[in-house]
Amino acid sequence: MKKLISSFAYAIKGLNYTFRSQLNFKIHCFGGLLAIILGFLVDLNSYEWLWIILSIAMVIILELVNTAIEILVDLVSPEYHPKAETIKDVAAASVLIGALMALIIGLFIFVPKLI
Protein backbone atom coordinates (compact mmCIF):
# COMPACT_ATOMS: atom_id res chain seq x y z
CA MET A 1 0.00 0.00 0.00
CA LYS A 2 2.89 2.33 0.79
CA LYS A 3 4.30 1.84 -2.75
CA LEU A 4 0.92 2.68 -4.25
CA ILE A 5 0.65 5.88 -2.25
CA SER A 6 4.23 6.79 -3.19
CA SER A 7 3.49 6.28 -6.88
CA PHE A 8 0.58 8.71 -6.67
CA ALA A 9 2.77 11.20 -4.82
CA TYR A 10 5.42 10.97 -7.56
CA ALA A 11 2.78 11.49 -10.26
CA ILE A 12 1.39 14.54 -8.48
CA LYS A 13 4.94 15.85 -8.10
CA GLY A 14 5.41 15.46 -11.87
CA LEU A 15 2.14 17.26 -12.60
CA ASN A 16 3.12 20.05 -10.23
CA TYR A 17 6.56 20.42 -11.82
CA THR A 18 5.11 20.50 -15.31
CA PHE A 19 2.42 23.00 -14.39
CA ARG A 20 4.93 25.31 -12.69
CA SER A 21 7.60 25.12 -15.38
CA GLN A 22 5.82 24.75 -18.73
CA LEU A 23 3.79 27.63 -20.14
CA ASN A 24 2.26 25.45 -22.85
CA PHE A 25 1.01 23.00 -20.21
CA LYS A 26 -0.74 25.87 -18.43
CA ILE A 27 -2.26 27.01 -21.72
CA HIS A 28 -3.54 23.50 -22.49
CA CYS A 29 -4.98 23.15 -18.96
CA PHE A 30 -6.74 26.50 -19.33
CA GLY A 31 -8.10 25.48 -22.74
CA GLY A 32 -9.36 22.21 -21.30
CA LEU A 33 -11.05 24.04 -18.45
CA LEU A 34 -12.73 26.40 -20.92
CA ALA A 35 -13.96 23.42 -22.95
CA ILE A 36 -15.43 21.85 -19.80
CA ILE A 37 -17.18 25.08 -18.81
CA LEU A 38 -18.53 25.53 -22.34
CA GLY A 39 -19.65 21.90 -22.32
CA PHE A 40 -21.81 22.55 -19.27
CA LEU A 41 -23.17 25.75 -20.80
CA VAL A 42 -24.28 24.05 -24.04
CA ASP A 43 -25.42 20.85 -22.29
CA LEU A 44 -23.29 18.24 -24.03
CA ASN A 45 -24.61 14.70 -24.28
CA SER A 46 -22.64 11.66 -23.05
CA TYR A 47 -20.93 10.99 -26.37
CA GLU A 48 -19.91 14.61 -26.80
CA TRP A 49 -18.48 14.65 -23.26
CA LEU A 50 -16.54 11.50 -24.06
CA TRP A 51 -14.91 13.13 -27.09
CA ILE A 52 -14.13 16.36 -25.19
CA ILE A 53 -12.64 14.57 -22.17
CA LEU A 54 -10.59 12.25 -24.39
CA SER A 55 -9.33 15.23 -26.38
CA ILE A 56 -8.33 17.13 -23.24
CA ALA A 57 -6.62 14.05 -21.80
CA MET A 58 -4.76 13.40 -25.08
CA VAL A 59 -3.28 16.90 -25.16
CA ILE A 60 -2.36 16.87 -21.45
CA ILE A 61 -0.71 13.45 -21.77
CA LEU A 62 1.22 14.48 -24.88
CA GLU A 63 2.42 17.64 -23.13
CA LEU A 64 3.60 15.61 -20.11
CA VAL A 65 5.46 13.14 -22.35
CA ASN A 66 6.97 16.02 -24.33
CA THR A 67 8.23 17.61 -21.11
CA ALA A 68 9.74 14.31 -19.96
CA ILE A 69 11.49 13.87 -23.32
CA GLU A 70 12.88 17.42 -23.18
CA ILE A 71 14.24 16.85 -19.67
CA LEU A 72 15.79 13.53 -20.68
CA VAL A 73 17.41 15.01 -23.79
CA ASP A 74 18.84 17.88 -21.73
CA LEU A 75 20.21 15.34 -19.24
CA VAL A 76 21.96 13.12 -21.78
CA SER A 77 23.01 15.93 -24.13
CA PRO A 78 23.58 19.12 -22.12
CA GLU A 79 25.51 20.71 -24.98
CA TYR A 80 23.87 21.45 -28.32
CA HIS A 81 23.56 18.53 -30.70
CA PRO A 82 21.48 18.55 -33.90
CA LYS A 83 19.94 15.16 -33.11
CA ALA A 84 18.94 16.36 -29.63
CA GLU A 85 17.22 19.33 -31.26
CA THR A 86 15.42 17.01 -33.69
CA ILE A 87 14.21 14.78 -30.85
CA LYS A 88 12.77 17.80 -29.07
CA ASP A 89 11.18 19.08 -32.28
CA VAL A 90 9.52 15.74 -33.01
CA ALA A 91 8.19 15.48 -29.44
CA ALA A 92 6.81 19.02 -29.71
CA ALA A 93 5.23 18.15 -33.06
CA SER A 94 3.26 15.35 -31.38
CA VAL A 95 1.74 17.89 -29.00
CA LEU A 96 0.94 20.20 -31.92
CA ILE A 97 -0.84 17.43 -33.84
CA GLY A 98 -2.76 16.37 -30.71
CA ALA A 99 -3.79 19.95 -29.97
CA LEU A 100 -4.94 20.49 -33.56
CA MET A 101 -6.98 17.29 -33.42
CA ALA A 102 -8.53 18.40 -30.12
CA LEU A 103 -9.38 21.76 -31.69
CA ILE A 104 -11.04 20.07 -34.67
CA ILE A 105 -13.05 17.79 -32.38
CA GLY A 106 -14.06 20.81 -30.29
CA LEU A 107 -15.16 22.70 -33.39
CA PHE A 108 -17.26 19.76 -34.60
CA ILE A 109 -18.99 19.55 -31.23
CA PHE A 110 -19.34 23.18 -30.18
CA VAL A 111 -19.91 25.14 -33.41
CA PRO A 112 -23.29 23.54 -34.25
CA LYS A 113 -24.46 24.14 -30.67
CA LEU A 114 -23.39 27.77 -30.74
CA ILE A 115 -24.95 28.57 -34.13
C-alpha atoms as a PDB file:
ATOM      1  CA  MET A   1       0.000   0.000   0.000  1.00  0.00           C
ATOM      2  CA  LYS A   2       2.891   2.327   0.786  1.00  0.00           C
ATOM      3  CA  LYS A   3       4.299   1.842  -2.750  1.00  0.00           C
ATOM      4  CA  LEU A   4       0.922   2.677  -4.252  1.00  0.00           C
ATOM      5  CA  ILE A   5       0.647   5.883  -2.250  1.00  0.00           C
ATOM      6  CA  SER A   6       4.233   6.789  -3.190  1.00  0.00           C
ATOM      7  CA  SER A   7       3.495   6.280  -6.881  1.00  0.00           C
ATOM      8  CA  PHE A   8       0.578   8.713  -6.671  1.00  0.00           C
ATOM      9  CA  ALA A   9       2.768  11.197  -4.817  1.00  0.00           C
ATOM     10  CA  TYR A  10       5.421  10.974  -7.562  1.00  0.00           C
ATOM     11  CA  ALA A  11       2.779  11.486 -10.256  1.00  0.00           C
ATOM     12  CA  ILE A  12       1.390  14.545  -8.475  1.00  0.00           C
ATOM     13  CA  LYS A  13       4.942  15.853  -8.096  1.00  0.00           C
ATOM     14  CA  GLY A  14       5.407  15.457 -11.869  1.00  0.00           C
ATOM     15  CA  LEU A  15       2.144  17.261 -12.601  1.00  0.00           C
ATOM     16  CA  ASN A  16       3.121  20.045 -10.226  1.00  0.00           C
ATOM     17  CA  TYR A  17       6.562  20.416 -11.820  1.00  0.00           C
ATOM     18  CA  THR A  18       5.109  20.497 -15.314  1.00  0.00           C
ATOM     19  CA  PHE A  19       2.415  23.003 -14.393  1.00  0.00           C
ATOM     20  CA  ARG A  20       4.926  25.308 -12.691  1.00  0.00           C
ATOM     21  CA  SER A  21       7.601  25.119 -15.383  1.00  0.00           C
ATOM     22  CA  GLN A  22       5.816  24.748 -18.726  1.00  0.00           C
ATOM     23  CA  LEU A  23       3.789  27.634 -20.135  1.00  0.00           C
ATOM     24  CA  ASN A  24       2.258  25.447 -22.849  1.00  0.00           C
ATOM     25  CA  PHE A  25       1.011  23.004 -20.208  1.00  0.00           C
ATOM     26  CA  LYS A  26      -0.739  25.869 -18.425  1.00  0.00           C
ATOM     27  CA  ILE A  27      -2.262  27.013 -21.720  1.00  0.00           C
ATOM     28  CA  HIS A  28      -3.538  23.498 -22.491  1.00  0.00           C
ATOM     29  CA  CYS A  29      -4.980  23.147 -18.964  1.00  0.00           C
ATOM     30  CA  PHE A  30      -6.740  26.503 -19.332  1.00  0.00           C
ATOM     31  CA  GLY A  31      -8.103  25.476 -22.743  1.00  0.00           C
ATOM     32  CA  GLY A  32      -9.355  22.210 -21.300  1.00  0.00           C
ATOM     33  CA  LEU A  33     -11.047  24.039 -18.447  1.00  0.00           C
ATOM     34  CA  LEU A  34     -12.725  26.402 -20.918  1.00  0.00           C
ATOM     35  CA  ALA A  35     -13.960  23.421 -22.948  1.00  0.00           C
ATOM     36  CA  ILE A  36     -15.431  21.845 -19.804  1.00  0.00           C
ATOM     37  CA  ILE A  37     -17.179  25.077 -18.809  1.00  0.00           C
ATOM     38  CA  LEU A  38     -18.525  25.535 -22.342  1.00  0.00           C
ATOM     39  CA  GLY A  39     -19.648  21.901 -22.321  1.00  0.00           C
ATOM     40  CA  PHE A  40     -21.813  22.549 -19.271  1.00  0.00           C
ATOM     41  CA  LEU A  41     -23.174  25.747 -20.799  1.00  0.00           C
ATOM     42  CA  VAL A  42     -24.277  24.054 -24.036  1.00  0.00           C
ATOM     43  CA  ASP A  43     -25.423  20.846 -22.286  1.00  0.00           C
ATOM     44  CA  LEU A  44     -23.286  18.237 -24.034  1.00  0.00           C
ATOM     45  CA  ASN A  45     -24.613  14.696 -24.276  1.00  0.00           C
ATOM     46  CA  SER A  46     -22.636  11.661 -23.046  1.00  0.00           C
ATOM     47  CA  TYR A  47     -20.928  10.986 -26.367  1.00  0.00           C
ATOM     48  CA  GLU A  48     -19.914  14.608 -26.803  1.00  0.00           C
ATOM     49  CA  TRP A  49     -18.480  14.652 -23.264  1.00  0.00           C
ATOM     50  CA  LEU A  50     -16.539  11.497 -24.061  1.00  0.00           C
ATOM     51  CA  TRP A  51     -14.905  13.135 -27.087  1.00  0.00           C
ATOM     52  CA  ILE A  52     -14.135  16.359 -25.188  1.00  0.00           C
ATOM     53  CA  ILE A  53     -12.642  14.571 -22.172  1.00  0.00           C
ATOM     54  CA  LEU A  54     -10.593  12.246 -24.393  1.00  0.00           C
ATOM     55  CA  SER A  55      -9.328  15.234 -26.381  1.00  0.00           C
ATOM     56  CA  ILE A  56      -8.325  17.131 -23.243  1.00  0.00           C
ATOM     57  CA  ALA A  57      -6.618  14.051 -21.802  1.00  0.00           C
ATOM     58  CA  MET A  58      -4.762  13.396 -25.079  1.00  0.00           C
ATOM     59  CA  VAL A  59      -3.285  16.896 -25.160  1.00  0.00           C
ATOM     60  CA  ILE A  60      -2.360  16.871 -21.450  1.00  0.00           C
ATOM     61  CA  ILE A  61      -0.713  13.447 -21.765  1.00  0.00           C
ATOM     62  CA  LEU A  62       1.217  14.478 -24.876  1.00  0.00           C
ATOM     63  CA  GLU A  63       2.424  17.641 -23.131  1.00  0.00           C
ATOM     64  CA  LEU A  64       3.595  15.610 -20.115  1.00  0.00           C
ATOM     65  CA  VAL A  65       5.464  13.137 -22.346  1.00  0.00           C
ATOM     66  CA  ASN A  66       6.973  16.018 -24.330  1.00  0.00           C
ATOM     67  CA  THR A  67       8.227  17.610 -21.109  1.00  0.00           C
ATOM     68  CA  ALA A  68       9.740  14.314 -19.962  1.00  0.00           C
ATOM     69  CA  ILE A  69      11.489  13.874 -23.318  1.00  0.00           C
ATOM     70  CA  GLU A  70      12.876  17.425 -23.183  1.00  0.00           C
ATOM     71  CA  ILE A  71      14.244  16.850 -19.670  1.00  0.00           C
ATOM     72  CA  LEU A  72      15.788  13.527 -20.681  1.00  0.00           C
ATOM     73  CA  VAL A  73      17.411  15.009 -23.785  1.00  0.00           C
ATOM     74  CA  ASP A  74      18.842  17.877 -21.732  1.00  0.00           C
ATOM     75  CA  LEU A  75      20.214  15.338 -19.244  1.00  0.00           C
ATOM     76  CA  VAL A  76      21.959  13.122 -21.785  1.00  0.00           C
ATOM     77  CA  SER A  77      23.007  15.925 -24.127  1.00  0.00           C
ATOM     78  CA  PRO A  78      23.584  19.123 -22.124  1.00  0.00           C
ATOM     79  CA  GLU A  79      25.511  20.712 -24.982  1.00  0.00           C
ATOM     80  CA  TYR A  80      23.870  21.446 -28.323  1.00  0.00           C
ATOM     81  CA  HIS A  81      23.560  18.531 -30.701  1.00  0.00           C
ATOM     82  CA  PRO A  82      21.484  18.547 -33.905  1.00  0.00           C
ATOM     83  CA  LYS A  83      19.940  15.161 -33.106  1.00  0.00           C
ATOM     84  CA  ALA A  84      18.938  16.361 -29.634  1.00  0.00           C
ATOM     85  CA  GLU A  85      17.220  19.327 -31.259  1.00  0.00           C
ATOM     86  CA  THR A  86      15.420  17.006 -33.693  1.00  0.00           C
ATOM     87  CA  ILE A  87      14.215  14.777 -30.853  1.00  0.00           C
ATOM     88  CA  LYS A  88      12.768  17.798 -29.068  1.00  0.00           C
ATOM     89  CA  ASP A  89      11.180  19.083 -32.278  1.00  0.00           C
ATOM     90  CA  VAL A  90       9.520  15.743 -33.013  1.00  0.00           C
ATOM     91  CA  ALA A  91       8.189  15.478 -29.445  1.00  0.00           C
ATOM     92  CA  ALA A  92       6.812  19.025 -29.708  1.00  0.00           C
ATOM     93  CA  ALA A  93       5.226  18.146 -33.061  1.00  0.00           C
ATOM     94  CA  SER A  94       3.264  15.347 -31.378  1.00  0.00           C
ATOM     95  CA  VAL A  95       1.737  17.892 -29.003  1.00  0.00           C
ATOM     96  CA  LEU A  96       0.935  20.203 -31.917  1.00  0.00           C
ATOM     97  CA  ILE A  97      -0.845  17.426 -33.837  1.00  0.00           C
ATOM     98  CA  GLY A  98      -2.757  16.365 -30.713  1.00  0.00           C
ATOM     99  CA  ALA A  99      -3.789  19.945 -29.971  1.00  0.00           C
ATOM    100  CA  LEU A 100      -4.936  20.486 -33.559  1.00  0.00           C
ATOM    101  CA  MET A 101      -6.980  17.287 -33.423  1.00  0.00           C
ATOM    102  CA  ALA A 102      -8.534  18.402 -30.122  1.00  0.00           C
ATOM    103  CA  LEU A 103      -9.379  21.756 -31.692  1.00  0.00           C
ATOM    104  CA  ILE A 104     -11.036  20.071 -34.675  1.00  0.00           C
ATOM    105  CA  ILE A 105     -13.050  17.791 -32.377  1.00  0.00           C
ATOM    106  CA  GLY A 106     -14.057  20.809 -30.295  1.00  0.00           C
ATOM    107  CA  LEU A 107     -15.157  22.704 -33.385  1.00  0.00           C
ATOM    108  CA  PHE A 108     -17.256  19.758 -34.597  1.00  0.00           C
ATOM    109  CA  ILE A 109     -18.987  19.555 -31.234  1.00  0.00           C
ATOM    110  CA  PHE A 110     -19.344  23.184 -30.175  1.00  0.00           C
ATOM    111  CA  VAL A 111     -19.910  25.139 -33.414  1.00  0.00           C
ATOM    112  CA  PRO A 112     -23.292  23.543 -34.245  1.00  0.00           C
ATOM    113  CA  LYS A 113     -24.462  24.138 -30.669  1.00  0.00           C
ATOM    114  CA  LEU A 114     -23.389  27.772 -30.744  1.00  0.00           C
ATOM    115  CA  ILE A 115     -24.947  28.573 -34.130  1.00  0.00           C
END
